Amino acid sequence: MDLSTMLSPDCTRSAVSGSSKKKVLELIGQLAAPRLSGTTSFDVFESLLNRERLGSTGIGLGVAIPHGRLSTANKPVAVLLTLDEPIDFDAIDNQAVDIVFALLVPEDEHEQHLQTLASVAQRLNDKSCTRALREAKSDQELFDLFNSQESS
């Protein structure tokens, strides 16, 4: 699936103050819930937190891809954040995280969920992509950069 259809400008934030993993997951819930009819910010937070309990979604190199499936979700929604200061995310390489791409999908879209996660991980493993995202000066610039990386 085209990631640009999942990510919207209102779910993209640059230089967010995120003091902890929990605070970041709460913010993701607040941003994503309005785009998921019938889903509350707490539903999103719980889904992400439950997934984190299985193992950290910090994939290394300062990047985390928290994700979850929701029975109330009617479409996939993504949230992209860069943090003003890196935070501990229990990443596999023990590096602090400053780029967070969250993905929320309907519960019955298991295969699409896995393919989308793989696509996001591949893109965020590209150092030129993550360097550009870290240099974004505004929410709109971050959104535009992420979408331009997809088409390159």
N, C-alpha and C. Protein backbone atom coordinates (compact mmCIF):
# COMPACT_ATOMS: atom_id res chain seq x y z
N MET A 1 0.83 -1.19 0.00
CA MET A 1 0.00 0.00 0.00
C MET A 1 0.87 1.25 0.00
N ASP A 2 0.40 2.27 -0.64
CA ASP A 2 1.09 3.55 -0.74
C ASP A 2 1.10 4.21 0.63
N LEU A 3 2.28 4.41 1.19
CA LEU A 3 2.38 5.01 2.52
C LEU A 3 1.82 6.41 2.57
N SER A 4 1.88 7.13 1.45
CA SER A 4 1.40 8.51 1.45
C SER A 4 -0.11 8.59 1.66
N THR A 5 -0.84 7.49 1.42
CA THR A 5 -2.27 7.51 1.69
C THR A 5 -2.56 7.27 3.18
N MET A 6 -1.59 6.76 3.91
CA MET A 6 -1.77 6.50 5.34
C MET A 6 -1.33 7.67 6.21
N LEU A 7 -0.35 8.41 5.72
CA LEU A 7 0.22 9.51 6.50
C LEU A 7 -0.36 10.83 6.00
N SER A 8 -0.84 11.64 6.92
CA SER A 8 -1.40 12.94 6.57
C SER A 8 -0.64 14.03 7.30
N PRO A 9 -0.72 15.27 6.82
CA PRO A 9 -0.01 16.36 7.49
C PRO A 9 -0.41 16.52 8.96
N ASP A 10 -1.67 16.24 9.30
CA ASP A 10 -2.10 16.40 10.69
C ASP A 10 -1.57 15.30 11.61
N CYS A 11 -0.95 14.28 11.04
CA CYS A 11 -0.33 13.21 11.83
C CYS A 11 1.19 13.22 11.69
N THR A 12 1.73 14.36 11.33
CA THR A 12 3.18 14.52 11.14
C THR A 12 3.64 15.67 12.03
N ARG A 13 4.61 15.39 12.89
CA ARG A 13 5.11 16.42 13.80
C ARG A 13 6.64 16.39 13.83
N SER A 14 7.22 17.57 13.72
CA SER A 14 8.68 17.74 13.73
C SER A 14 9.12 18.32 15.07
N ALA A 15 10.25 17.84 15.56
CA ALA A 15 10.88 18.37 16.78
C ALA A 15 9.94 18.36 17.99
N VAL A 16 9.28 17.22 18.19
CA VAL A 16 8.37 17.04 19.32
C VAL A 16 9.18 16.84 20.60
N SER A 17 8.68 17.39 21.69
CA SER A 17 9.26 17.13 22.99
C SER A 17 8.66 15.84 23.52
N GLY A 18 9.44 14.79 23.54
CA GLY A 18 8.96 13.48 24.01
C GLY A 18 9.86 12.99 25.11
N SER A 19 9.42 13.13 26.34
CA SER A 19 10.29 12.83 27.47
C SER A 19 10.44 11.33 27.74
N SER A 20 9.53 10.52 27.21
CA SER A 20 9.60 9.07 27.45
C SER A 20 8.86 8.33 26.35
N LYS A 21 9.10 7.02 26.29
CA LYS A 21 8.39 6.18 25.32
C LYS A 21 6.89 6.28 25.55
N LYS A 22 6.46 6.23 26.80
CA LYS A 22 5.04 6.30 27.12
C LYS A 22 4.43 7.61 26.61
N LYS A 23 5.09 8.73 26.84
CA LYS A 23 4.57 10.03 26.39
C LYS A 23 4.46 10.07 24.87
N VAL A 24 5.43 9.49 24.18
CA VAL A 24 5.40 9.46 22.72
C VAL A 24 4.22 8.61 22.23
N LEU A 25 4.01 7.46 22.86
CA LEU A 25 2.89 6.60 22.47
C LEU A 25 1.55 7.28 22.75
N GLU A 26 1.47 8.04 23.84
CA GLU A 26 0.25 8.81 24.13
C GLU A 26 0.00 9.86 23.05
N LEU A 27 1.05 10.55 22.63
CA LEU A 27 0.91 11.56 21.59
C LEU A 27 0.45 10.92 20.28
N ILE A 28 1.01 9.77 19.95
CA ILE A 28 0.58 9.06 18.74
C ILE A 28 -0.92 8.77 18.83
N GLY A 29 -1.38 8.33 19.99
CA GLY A 29 -2.80 8.06 20.18
C GLY A 29 -3.65 9.31 19.94
N GLN A 30 -3.19 10.43 20.45
CA GLN A 30 -3.93 11.69 20.28
C GLN A 30 -3.99 12.12 18.82
N LEU A 31 -2.91 11.90 18.08
CA LEU A 31 -2.88 12.30 16.68
C LEU A 31 -3.67 11.34 15.79
N ALA A 32 -3.57 10.05 16.07
CA ALA A 32 -4.18 9.04 15.19
C ALA A 32 -5.68 8.86 15.41
N ALA A 33 -6.13 8.94 16.63
CA ALA A 33 -7.53 8.62 16.95
C ALA A 33 -8.56 9.40 16.12
N PRO A 34 -8.38 10.70 15.89
CA PRO A 34 -9.38 11.42 15.09
C PRO A 34 -9.51 10.90 13.66
N ARG A 35 -8.50 10.21 13.15
CA ARG A 35 -8.53 9.67 11.80
C ARG A 35 -9.10 8.26 11.76
N LEU A 36 -9.36 7.69 12.93
CA LEU A 36 -9.86 6.32 13.03
C LEU A 36 -11.23 6.36 13.68
N SER A 37 -12.28 6.40 12.88
CA SER A 37 -13.62 6.54 13.44
C SER A 37 -13.92 5.40 14.41
N GLY A 38 -14.51 5.77 15.55
CA GLY A 38 -14.85 4.78 16.56
C GLY A 38 -13.70 4.34 17.42
N THR A 39 -12.55 5.00 17.30
CA THR A 39 -11.36 4.64 18.06
C THR A 39 -10.93 5.82 18.92
N THR A 40 -10.64 5.55 20.18
CA THR A 40 -10.18 6.62 21.08
C THR A 40 -8.66 6.66 21.12
N SER A 41 -8.13 7.76 21.63
CA SER A 41 -6.68 7.87 21.77
C SER A 41 -6.17 6.80 22.74
N PHE A 42 -6.98 6.45 23.74
CA PHE A 42 -6.59 5.40 24.67
C PHE A 42 -6.52 4.04 23.97
N ASP A 43 -7.47 3.77 23.05
CA ASP A 43 -7.44 2.52 22.27
C ASP A 43 -6.12 2.39 21.52
N VAL A 44 -5.72 3.48 20.88
CA VAL A 44 -4.47 3.48 20.10
C VAL A 44 -3.29 3.27 21.04
N PHE A 45 -3.26 4.03 22.13
CA PHE A 45 -2.17 3.91 23.11
C PHE A 45 -2.06 2.47 23.62
N GLU A 46 -3.18 1.87 24.01
CA GLU A 46 -3.18 0.49 24.52
C GLU A 46 -2.67 -0.50 23.48
N SER A 47 -3.09 -0.33 22.23
CA SER A 47 -2.64 -1.22 21.17
C SER A 47 -1.12 -1.13 21.00
N LEU A 48 -0.61 0.08 20.99
CA LEU A 48 0.84 0.28 20.83
C LEU A 48 1.60 -0.25 22.05
N LEU A 49 1.09 0.04 23.23
CA LEU A 49 1.75 -0.40 24.46
C LEU A 49 1.76 -1.93 24.56
N ASN A 50 0.64 -2.56 24.19
CA ASN A 50 0.60 -4.03 24.21
C ASN A 50 1.63 -4.62 23.26
N ARG A 51 1.81 -4.00 22.09
CA ARG A 51 2.83 -4.49 21.16
C ARG A 51 4.23 -4.29 21.72
N GLU A 52 4.47 -3.16 22.37
CA GLU A 52 5.79 -2.90 22.96
C GLU A 52 6.12 -3.91 24.06
N ARG A 53 5.11 -4.40 24.74
CA ARG A 53 5.33 -5.39 25.80
C ARG A 53 5.87 -6.71 25.23
N LEU A 54 5.59 -6.96 23.96
CA LEU A 54 6.10 -8.17 23.30
C LEU A 54 7.58 -8.02 22.93
N GLY A 55 8.03 -6.80 22.82
CA GLY A 55 9.41 -6.50 22.43
C GLY A 55 9.45 -5.12 21.82
N SER A 56 10.54 -4.44 22.03
CA SER A 56 10.65 -3.07 21.54
C SER A 56 10.56 -2.99 20.02
N THR A 57 9.93 -1.94 19.54
CA THR A 57 9.85 -1.68 18.11
C THR A 57 10.95 -0.70 17.68
N GLY A 58 11.91 -0.46 18.57
CA GLY A 58 13.08 0.33 18.20
C GLY A 58 13.97 -0.53 17.32
N ILE A 59 14.06 -0.16 16.03
CA ILE A 59 14.75 -1.02 15.06
C ILE A 59 16.23 -0.69 14.92
N GLY A 60 16.69 0.35 15.62
CA GLY A 60 18.09 0.73 15.57
C GLY A 60 18.31 2.01 14.78
N LEU A 61 19.51 2.54 14.91
CA LEU A 61 19.91 3.76 14.22
C LEU A 61 19.02 4.95 14.55
N GLY A 62 18.47 4.96 15.79
CA GLY A 62 17.65 6.08 16.22
C GLY A 62 16.22 6.06 15.73
N VAL A 63 15.75 4.90 15.25
CA VAL A 63 14.42 4.79 14.65
C VAL A 63 13.57 3.77 15.42
N ALA A 64 12.29 4.11 15.60
CA ALA A 64 11.32 3.16 16.16
C ALA A 64 10.09 3.14 15.26
N ILE A 65 9.50 1.96 15.15
CA ILE A 65 8.28 1.79 14.34
C ILE A 65 7.21 1.10 15.20
N PRO A 66 6.67 1.84 16.17
CA PRO A 66 5.58 1.23 16.94
C PRO A 66 4.38 0.96 16.05
N HIS A 67 3.70 -0.15 16.31
CA HIS A 67 2.58 -0.51 15.44
C HIS A 67 1.56 -1.35 16.20
N GLY A 68 0.36 -1.32 15.68
CA GLY A 68 -0.69 -2.10 16.32
C GLY A 68 -1.86 -2.32 15.39
N ARG A 69 -2.66 -3.32 15.74
CA ARG A 69 -3.89 -3.59 14.99
C ARG A 69 -5.06 -3.27 15.91
N LEU A 70 -6.09 -2.70 15.32
CA LEU A 70 -7.25 -2.27 16.08
C LEU A 70 -8.53 -2.83 15.47
N SER A 71 -9.37 -3.43 16.29
CA SER A 71 -10.63 -3.97 15.78
C SER A 71 -11.56 -2.85 15.32
N THR A 72 -11.39 -1.66 15.87
CA THR A 72 -12.26 -0.53 15.52
C THR A 72 -11.75 0.27 14.33
N ALA A 73 -10.54 0.02 13.88
CA ALA A 73 -9.97 0.79 12.77
C ALA A 73 -10.63 0.40 11.46
N ASN A 74 -10.93 1.40 10.64
CA ASN A 74 -11.55 1.13 9.34
C ASN A 74 -10.57 1.32 8.19
N LYS A 75 -9.36 1.81 8.50
CA LYS A 75 -8.33 2.02 7.48
C LYS A 75 -6.98 2.13 8.17
N PRO A 76 -5.89 1.95 7.45
CA PRO A 76 -4.57 2.13 8.04
C PRO A 76 -4.27 3.62 8.23
N VAL A 77 -3.63 3.93 9.33
CA VAL A 77 -3.23 5.32 9.63
C VAL A 77 -1.80 5.29 10.15
N ALA A 78 -1.01 6.26 9.71
CA ALA A 78 0.37 6.38 10.15
C ALA A 78 0.58 7.72 10.85
N VAL A 79 1.55 7.74 11.75
CA VAL A 79 1.97 8.95 12.45
C VAL A 79 3.48 9.01 12.34
N LEU A 80 4.01 10.16 11.95
CA LEU A 80 5.46 10.35 11.85
C LEU A 80 5.88 11.48 12.77
N LEU A 81 6.85 11.17 13.65
CA LEU A 81 7.37 12.17 14.57
C LEU A 81 8.89 12.20 14.51
N THR A 82 9.45 13.39 14.60
CA THR A 82 10.86 13.51 14.96
C THR A 82 10.87 14.16 16.33
N LEU A 83 11.81 13.74 17.18
CA LEU A 83 11.87 14.23 18.55
C LEU A 83 12.98 15.26 18.69
N ASP A 84 12.74 16.27 19.52
CA ASP A 84 13.77 17.30 19.70
C ASP A 84 14.99 16.76 20.44
N GLU A 85 14.77 15.76 21.28
CA GLU A 85 15.85 15.06 21.99
C GLU A 85 15.59 13.57 21.91
N PRO A 86 16.60 12.77 21.59
CA PRO A 86 16.40 11.31 21.55
C PRO A 86 15.98 10.77 22.91
N ILE A 87 15.16 9.71 22.88
CA ILE A 87 14.69 9.07 24.11
C ILE A 87 15.04 7.58 24.10
N ASP A 88 15.07 7.01 25.29
CA ASP A 88 15.29 5.57 25.41
C ASP A 88 14.03 4.84 24.93
N PHE A 89 14.20 3.93 23.99
CA PHE A 89 13.07 3.17 23.44
C PHE A 89 13.34 1.68 23.51
N ASP A 90 14.38 1.31 24.26
CA ASP A 90 14.78 -0.10 24.37
C ASP A 90 15.08 -0.69 22.98
N ALA A 91 15.69 0.10 22.13
CA ALA A 91 15.99 -0.33 20.76
C ALA A 91 16.98 -1.48 20.75
N ILE A 92 16.95 -2.24 19.66
CA ILE A 92 17.80 -3.44 19.57
C ILE A 92 19.30 -3.10 19.61
N ASP A 93 19.67 -1.87 19.21
CA ASP A 93 21.08 -1.48 19.25
C ASP A 93 21.40 -0.60 20.46
N ASN A 94 20.43 -0.47 21.37
CA ASN A 94 20.57 0.34 22.59
C ASN A 94 20.77 1.83 22.34
N GLN A 95 20.57 2.28 21.10
CA GLN A 95 20.65 3.71 20.80
C GLN A 95 19.32 4.38 21.10
N ALA A 96 19.40 5.62 21.56
CA ALA A 96 18.19 6.40 21.79
C ALA A 96 17.51 6.69 20.45
N VAL A 97 16.21 6.92 20.50
CA VAL A 97 15.39 7.08 19.29
C VAL A 97 14.97 8.54 19.13
N ASP A 98 15.05 9.04 17.89
CA ASP A 98 14.56 10.40 17.61
C ASP A 98 13.66 10.46 16.37
N ILE A 99 13.43 9.31 15.72
CA ILE A 99 12.47 9.23 14.62
C ILE A 99 11.50 8.10 14.96
N VAL A 100 10.20 8.44 14.96
CA VAL A 100 9.17 7.46 15.30
C VAL A 100 8.13 7.46 14.18
N PHE A 101 7.93 6.30 13.58
CA PHE A 101 6.90 6.12 12.57
C PHE A 101 5.94 5.07 13.11
N ALA A 102 4.73 5.49 13.47
CA ALA A 102 3.74 4.57 14.02
C ALA A 102 2.76 4.15 12.94
N LEU A 103 2.35 2.90 12.99
CA LEU A 103 1.41 2.36 12.02
C LEU A 103 0.29 1.65 12.76
N LEU A 104 -0.94 2.02 12.41
CA LEU A 104 -2.13 1.40 12.99
C LEU A 104 -2.98 0.88 11.85
N VAL A 105 -3.37 -0.38 11.95
CA VAL A 105 -4.14 -0.99 10.86
C VAL A 105 -5.34 -1.75 11.41
N PRO A 106 -6.35 -1.95 10.57
CA PRO A 106 -7.47 -2.80 10.99
C PRO A 106 -6.98 -4.20 11.36
N GLU A 107 -7.62 -4.78 12.34
CA GLU A 107 -7.20 -6.06 12.89
C GLU A 107 -7.11 -7.18 11.86
N ASP A 108 -7.96 -7.14 10.84
CA ASP A 108 -7.99 -8.23 9.86
C ASP A 108 -7.03 -8.04 8.69
N GLU A 109 -6.20 -7.02 8.71
CA GLU A 109 -5.27 -6.77 7.60
C GLU A 109 -3.85 -7.20 7.97
N HIS A 110 -3.70 -8.44 8.38
CA HIS A 110 -2.42 -8.95 8.86
C HIS A 110 -1.33 -8.90 7.79
N GLU A 111 -1.61 -9.40 6.61
CA GLU A 111 -0.60 -9.46 5.54
C GLU A 111 -0.17 -8.06 5.10
N GLN A 112 -1.14 -7.18 4.91
CA GLN A 112 -0.84 -5.80 4.52
C GLN A 112 -0.02 -5.11 5.61
N HIS A 113 -0.35 -5.39 6.85
CA HIS A 113 0.36 -4.82 8.00
C HIS A 113 1.85 -5.19 7.92
N LEU A 114 2.14 -6.45 7.69
CA LEU A 114 3.53 -6.91 7.63
C LEU A 114 4.28 -6.31 6.43
N GLN A 115 3.62 -6.25 5.29
CA GLN A 115 4.25 -5.67 4.10
C GLN A 115 4.54 -4.18 4.30
N THR A 116 3.61 -3.47 4.92
CA THR A 116 3.80 -2.05 5.15
C THR A 116 4.93 -1.82 6.15
N LEU A 117 4.97 -2.61 7.21
CA LEU A 117 6.06 -2.50 8.18
C LEU A 117 7.41 -2.72 7.51
N ALA A 118 7.49 -3.71 6.65
CA ALA A 118 8.75 -3.99 5.94
C ALA A 118 9.15 -2.82 5.06
N SER A 119 8.20 -2.23 4.39
CA SER A 119 8.47 -1.08 3.53
C SER A 119 8.96 0.13 4.33
N VAL A 120 8.31 0.38 5.46
CA VAL A 120 8.72 1.49 6.33
C VAL A 120 10.13 1.24 6.87
N ALA A 121 10.36 0.03 7.36
CA ALA A 121 11.67 -0.30 7.91
C ALA A 121 12.77 -0.14 6.87
N GLN A 122 12.50 -0.57 5.65
CA GLN A 122 13.50 -0.44 4.58
C GLN A 122 13.82 1.03 4.33
N ARG A 123 12.79 1.85 4.25
CA ARG A 123 13.01 3.27 4.00
C ARG A 123 13.77 3.93 5.15
N LEU A 124 13.40 3.59 6.39
CA LEU A 124 14.03 4.24 7.54
C LEU A 124 15.39 3.64 7.89
N ASN A 125 15.80 2.60 7.20
CA ASN A 125 17.17 2.10 7.33
C ASN A 125 18.11 2.82 6.37
N ASP A 126 17.57 3.65 5.50
CA ASP A 126 18.36 4.43 4.55
C ASP A 126 18.86 5.69 5.25
N LYS A 127 20.17 5.78 5.44
CA LYS A 127 20.74 6.90 6.20
C LYS A 127 20.48 8.25 5.56
N SER A 128 20.41 8.32 4.24
CA SER A 128 20.13 9.61 3.61
C SER A 128 18.69 10.04 3.90
N CYS A 129 17.79 9.08 3.97
CA CYS A 129 16.39 9.38 4.30
C CYS A 129 16.29 9.89 5.74
N THR A 130 16.87 9.16 6.68
CA THR A 130 16.75 9.57 8.08
C THR A 130 17.48 10.89 8.33
N ARG A 131 18.58 11.13 7.64
CA ARG A 131 19.29 12.41 7.79
C ARG A 131 18.38 13.56 7.36
N ALA A 132 17.72 13.39 6.22
CA ALA A 132 16.81 14.44 5.72
C ALA A 132 15.65 14.66 6.68
N LEU A 133 15.07 13.58 7.20
CA LEU A 133 13.96 13.72 8.15
C LEU A 133 14.39 14.45 9.40
N ARG A 134 15.58 14.14 9.90
CA ARG A 134 16.08 14.80 11.12
C ARG A 134 16.32 16.29 10.90
N GLU A 135 16.59 16.68 9.67
CA GLU A 135 16.87 18.09 9.37
C GLU A 135 15.61 18.91 9.08
N ALA A 136 14.45 18.27 9.02
CA ALA A 136 13.20 18.99 8.74
C ALA A 136 12.97 20.06 9.80
N LYS A 137 12.58 21.24 9.34
CA LYS A 137 12.38 22.39 10.23
C LYS A 137 10.93 22.63 10.59
N SER A 138 10.00 21.92 9.97
CA SER A 138 8.57 22.12 10.26
C SER A 138 7.83 20.82 10.02
N ASP A 139 6.59 20.78 10.53
CA ASP A 139 5.75 19.60 10.31
C ASP A 139 5.53 19.36 8.82
N GLN A 140 5.24 20.43 8.09
CA GLN A 140 4.96 20.30 6.65
C GLN A 140 6.21 19.83 5.90
N GLU A 141 7.37 20.37 6.26
CA GLU A 141 8.61 19.94 5.60
C GLU A 141 8.88 18.46 5.87
N LEU A 142 8.63 18.02 7.10
CA LEU A 142 8.80 16.61 7.44
C LEU A 142 7.87 15.74 6.60
N PHE A 143 6.61 16.14 6.51
CA PHE A 143 5.63 15.41 5.71
C PHE A 143 6.07 15.34 4.26
N ASP A 144 6.46 16.49 3.69
CA ASP A 144 6.88 16.54 2.29
C ASP A 144 8.13 15.70 2.05
N LEU A 145 9.09 15.75 2.97
CA LEU A 145 10.32 14.97 2.82
C LEU A 145 10.02 13.48 2.84
N PHE A 146 9.18 13.04 3.77
CA PHE A 146 8.86 11.61 3.84
C PHE A 146 8.20 11.15 2.54
N ASN A 147 7.28 11.93 2.04
CA ASN A 147 6.60 11.55 0.80
C ASN A 147 7.51 11.63 -0.40
N SER A 148 8.45 12.56 -0.42
CA SER A 148 9.38 12.63 -1.56
C SER A 148 10.36 11.46 -1.53
N GLN A 149 10.69 10.97 -0.33
CA GLN A 149 11.57 9.80 -0.21
C GLN A 149 10.89 8.57 -0.78
N GLU A 150 9.56 8.51 -0.65
CA GLU A 150 8.82 7.34 -1.15
C GLU A 150 8.90 7.25 -2.66
N SER A 151 8.85 8.40 -3.31
CA SER A 151 8.83 8.36 -4.76
C SER A 151 10.23 8.27 -5.37
N SER A 152 11.28 8.36 -4.52
CA SER A 152 12.63 8.26 -5.09
C SER A 152 13.13 6.85 -5.14
